[in-house]
Protein backbone atom coordinates (compact mmCIF):
# COMPACT_ATOMS: atom_id res chain seq x y z
CA MET A 1 0.00 0.00 0.00
CA ALA A 2 1.44 3.36 -1.00
CA LEU A 3 1.99 5.95 1.72
CA SER A 4 -0.51 8.38 0.15
CA SER A 5 -3.27 5.76 0.02
CA PHE A 6 -2.46 4.72 3.60
CA ARG A 7 -2.82 8.35 4.68
CA ASP A 8 -6.15 8.56 2.85
CA ALA A 9 -7.44 5.51 4.77
CA CYS A 10 -6.08 6.69 8.11
CA PRO A 11 -8.16 9.07 10.24
CA THR A 12 -6.60 12.53 10.36
CA VAL A 13 -6.86 15.71 12.36
CA LYS A 14 -6.82 19.18 10.79
CA ASN A 15 -5.89 21.03 13.98
CA ILE A 16 -5.95 20.93 17.77
CA LEU A 17 -6.71 24.17 19.55
CA LEU A 18 -6.47 25.21 23.17
CA LEU A 19 -8.03 28.64 23.63
CA ASP A 20 -8.73 30.71 26.71
CA SER A 21 -12.13 31.98 27.86
CA GLU A 22 -11.79 35.00 25.54
CA GLY A 23 -10.94 32.93 22.47
CA LYS A 24 -7.24 33.80 22.56
CA ARG A 25 -4.57 31.20 21.79
CA VAL A 26 -2.98 29.21 24.57
CA ALA A 27 -1.60 26.36 22.43
CA VAL A 28 -2.53 25.53 18.83
CA LYS A 29 -1.20 23.12 16.21
CA TYR A 30 -2.33 22.99 12.60
CA TYR A 31 -1.72 19.85 10.54
CA SER A 32 -3.38 20.96 7.31
CA ASP A 33 -2.91 23.64 4.69
CA ASP A 34 -6.62 24.51 4.86
CA TRP A 35 -5.62 27.74 6.62
CA PRO A 36 -2.52 28.91 4.72
CA THR A 37 -1.86 32.16 6.60
CA ASN A 38 -1.70 33.11 10.24
CA ASN A 39 -4.58 35.55 9.65
CA SER A 40 -6.79 32.77 8.26
CA LYS A 41 -5.96 30.62 11.31
CA LEU A 42 -6.79 33.45 13.70
CA ALA A 43 -10.05 34.16 11.85
CA PHE A 44 -11.01 30.47 12.04
CA GLU A 45 -10.25 30.36 15.79
CA LYS A 46 -12.25 33.53 16.46
CA ALA A 47 -15.26 32.36 14.44
CA LEU A 48 -15.16 28.89 16.04
CA PHE A 49 -14.93 30.37 19.52
CA THR A 50 -17.83 32.74 18.82
CA LYS A 51 -19.98 29.82 17.58
CA THR A 52 -19.24 27.56 20.58
CA MET A 53 -18.85 29.94 23.52
CA LYS A 54 -22.51 29.85 24.52
CA THR A 55 -22.69 26.04 24.62
CA ASN A 56 -22.29 24.03 27.79
CA ALA A 57 -19.48 21.62 26.91
CA ARG A 58 -18.24 21.24 30.46
CA THR A 59 -19.47 17.79 31.39
CA GLU A 60 -19.21 16.02 28.05
CA ALA A 61 -17.65 16.77 24.71
CA GLU A 62 -19.86 18.46 22.13
CA ILE A 63 -19.76 17.92 18.36
CA THR A 64 -20.65 20.51 15.73
CA MET A 65 -20.24 21.14 12.01
CA PHE A 66 -18.47 24.39 11.22
CA ASP A 67 -17.28 25.55 7.77
CA ASN A 68 -17.49 21.96 6.45
CA TYR A 69 -15.37 20.65 9.34
CA ILE A 70 -16.35 18.41 12.23
CA ILE A 71 -15.38 20.04 15.50
CA VAL A 72 -15.28 18.17 18.80
CA TYR A 73 -14.79 20.38 21.84
CA LYS A 74 -14.84 20.52 25.61
CA PHE A 75 -14.36 23.26 28.20
CA ILE A 76 -12.84 23.20 31.66
CA GLN A 77 -12.35 26.25 33.88
CA ASP A 78 -11.13 29.01 31.55
CA LEU A 79 -9.79 26.69 28.83
CA HIS A 80 -11.51 25.54 25.63
CA PHE A 81 -10.19 22.37 23.94
CA PHE A 82 -10.99 21.79 20.23
CA VAL A 83 -10.16 19.04 17.73
CA THR A 84 -10.99 19.62 14.05
CA GLY A 85 -11.45 16.96 11.39
CA GLY A 86 -12.67 16.88 7.83
CA ASP A 87 -16.39 16.57 7.13
CA ASP A 88 -15.94 12.85 6.33
CA GLU A 89 -14.01 12.05 9.53
CA ASN A 90 -15.32 9.75 12.25
CA GLU A 91 -16.64 11.79 15.18
CA LEU A 92 -15.81 9.03 17.67
CA ILE A 93 -12.16 9.02 16.64
CA LEU A 94 -12.01 12.82 16.91
CA ALA A 95 -13.67 12.58 20.32
CA ALA A 96 -11.02 10.02 21.40
CA VAL A 97 -8.28 12.45 20.34
CA LEU A 98 -9.95 15.26 22.28
CA GLN A 99 -10.39 13.09 25.37
CA GLY A 100 -6.77 11.90 25.18
CA PHE A 101 -5.52 15.49 24.94
CA PHE A 102 -7.86 16.72 27.66
CA ASP A 103 -7.04 13.88 30.09
CA SER A 104 -3.29 13.95 29.49
CA VAL A 105 -3.20 17.71 30.15
CA ALA A 106 -5.20 17.13 33.34
CA LEU A 107 -2.74 14.41 34.42
CA LEU A 108 0.32 16.54 33.70
CA LEU A 109 -1.16 19.60 35.42
CA ARG A 110 -2.26 17.42 38.37
CA ASN A 111 -5.94 18.27 37.74
CA ASN A 112 -5.22 21.98 38.16
CA VAL A 113 -6.37 22.75 34.61
CA ASP A 114 -6.65 26.50 34.14
CA LYS A 115 -5.08 29.13 31.91
CA ARG A 116 -2.37 30.18 34.35
CA GLU A 117 -1.23 26.61 34.97
CA ALA A 118 -1.40 25.82 31.25
CA LEU A 119 0.77 28.82 30.37
CA GLU A 120 3.30 27.87 33.05
CA ASN A 121 3.48 24.35 31.57
CA LEU A 122 3.17 25.20 27.89
CA ASP A 123 6.12 22.96 27.04
CA LEU A 124 4.26 19.94 28.43
CA ILE A 125 1.13 20.82 26.47
CA PHE A 126 3.06 21.06 23.20
CA LEU A 127 4.79 17.75 23.97
CA CYS A 128 1.30 16.26 24.48
CA LEU A 129 0.25 17.50 21.06
CA ASP A 130 3.38 15.98 19.53
CA GLU A 131 2.65 12.61 21.16
CA ILE A 132 -1.00 12.60 20.01
CA VAL A 133 -0.74 13.71 16.37
CA GLU A 134 2.05 13.98 13.84
CA ARG A 135 1.41 15.68 10.50
CA GLY A 136 -2.31 15.08 11.01
CA MET A 137 -2.03 11.34 11.66
CA ILE A 138 -3.27 10.16 15.05
CA LEU A 139 -0.54 8.37 17.00
CA GLU A 140 -1.99 7.92 20.47
CA THR A 141 -5.19 8.66 22.40
CA ASP A 142 -4.51 6.96 25.77
CA ALA A 143 -3.92 9.78 28.26
CA ASN A 144 -1.76 7.64 30.57
CA VAL A 145 0.56 6.70 27.71
CA ILE A 146 0.70 10.30 26.45
CA ALA A 147 1.38 11.78 29.90
CA GLY A 148 3.98 9.08 30.61
CA LYS A 149 5.89 9.81 27.40
CA VAL A 150 5.70 13.56 28.03
CA ALA A 151 6.90 13.16 31.63
CA VAL A 152 9.88 11.09 30.51
CA ASN A 153 10.72 13.46 27.62
CA SER A 154 10.36 16.62 29.68
CA MET A 155 12.30 15.72 32.79
CA ASP A 156 15.63 17.33 33.47
CA PRO A 157 18.14 14.49 33.73
CA ALA A 158 20.47 16.77 35.70
CA ALA A 159 17.87 17.34 38.43
CA PRO A 160 18.68 15.57 41.71
CA LEU A 161 16.76 12.33 42.19
CA SER A 162 15.05 13.79 45.28
CA GLU A 163 13.26 16.34 43.05
CA GLN A 164 12.05 13.80 40.50
CA THR A 165 8.89 11.73 40.61
CA ILE A 166 9.26 7.97 40.95
CA SER A 167 8.66 7.41 37.24
CA GLN A 168 11.16 10.14 36.35
CA ALA A 169 13.73 8.67 38.75
CA LEU A 170 13.24 5.20 37.24
CA ALA A 171 13.60 6.61 33.74
CA THR A 172 16.78 8.43 34.76
CA ALA A 173 18.17 5.27 36.35
CA ARG A 174 17.24 3.25 33.25
CA GLU A 175 18.94 5.84 31.03
CA HIS A 176 22.12 5.79 33.14
CA LEU A 177 22.16 1.99 33.14
CA THR A 178 21.69 1.86 29.36
CA ARG A 179 24.48 4.39 28.89
CA THR A 180 26.90 2.41 31.05
CA LEU A 181 26.01 -0.90 29.37
CA PHE A 182 26.62 0.45 25.86
CA GLN A 183 29.88 2.29 26.53
C-alpha cells in the first residue's frame, strides 16, 4: 500500500486548539494547509470560539459542524479544547483524540487545569500534542501513555533524584544503566 493511500485511509486531524475563555490562543497546532496564513488561522479560531462559547461543553464533549469541518470540543475552567477533522471524519475518533488530549493535560497539570497553569506548563502541552498527532495522523489517544511519554521526555536528567517523581527517577536510572552498558 502506498503511503498516500495509507494516509487517505487513516483518520486525520486538521488542527488541535487550546483557547482561553476570551478565544485567545494558549496552544494551537495545525496539521493541514486549509488555513494557509496566520490571519486565516486566527479568523477560524475567532469564528469557532464565537460559535461555541454559549454552549455548555463542560461535562461532556460536544460535536458541531463548522465551515465543512467536524469540530469536537470541551471546556474546563477558563480553557476551551478543540479538535478539528474533515467533514468525512469519524466523530468518535475525533472525540477520542480530544479526550486523550484533555485527560493527558489534566494528568500533567495534576488536575489543576486553568489558563495560568497551562501557560506555566506550555512545554508539556506542546509535547502532548506531539505525542498525540504527527502531520495530522493520530498516533496515540490513551492519556496515561501520552502523559507518561511527556513526563519522561520533559524531565531534566540533571535534576537531583530527590526532586524527580518515581517514574522520572526510574527513567533516569534506566537511562544511566543503558548508557553504562553500551559504553
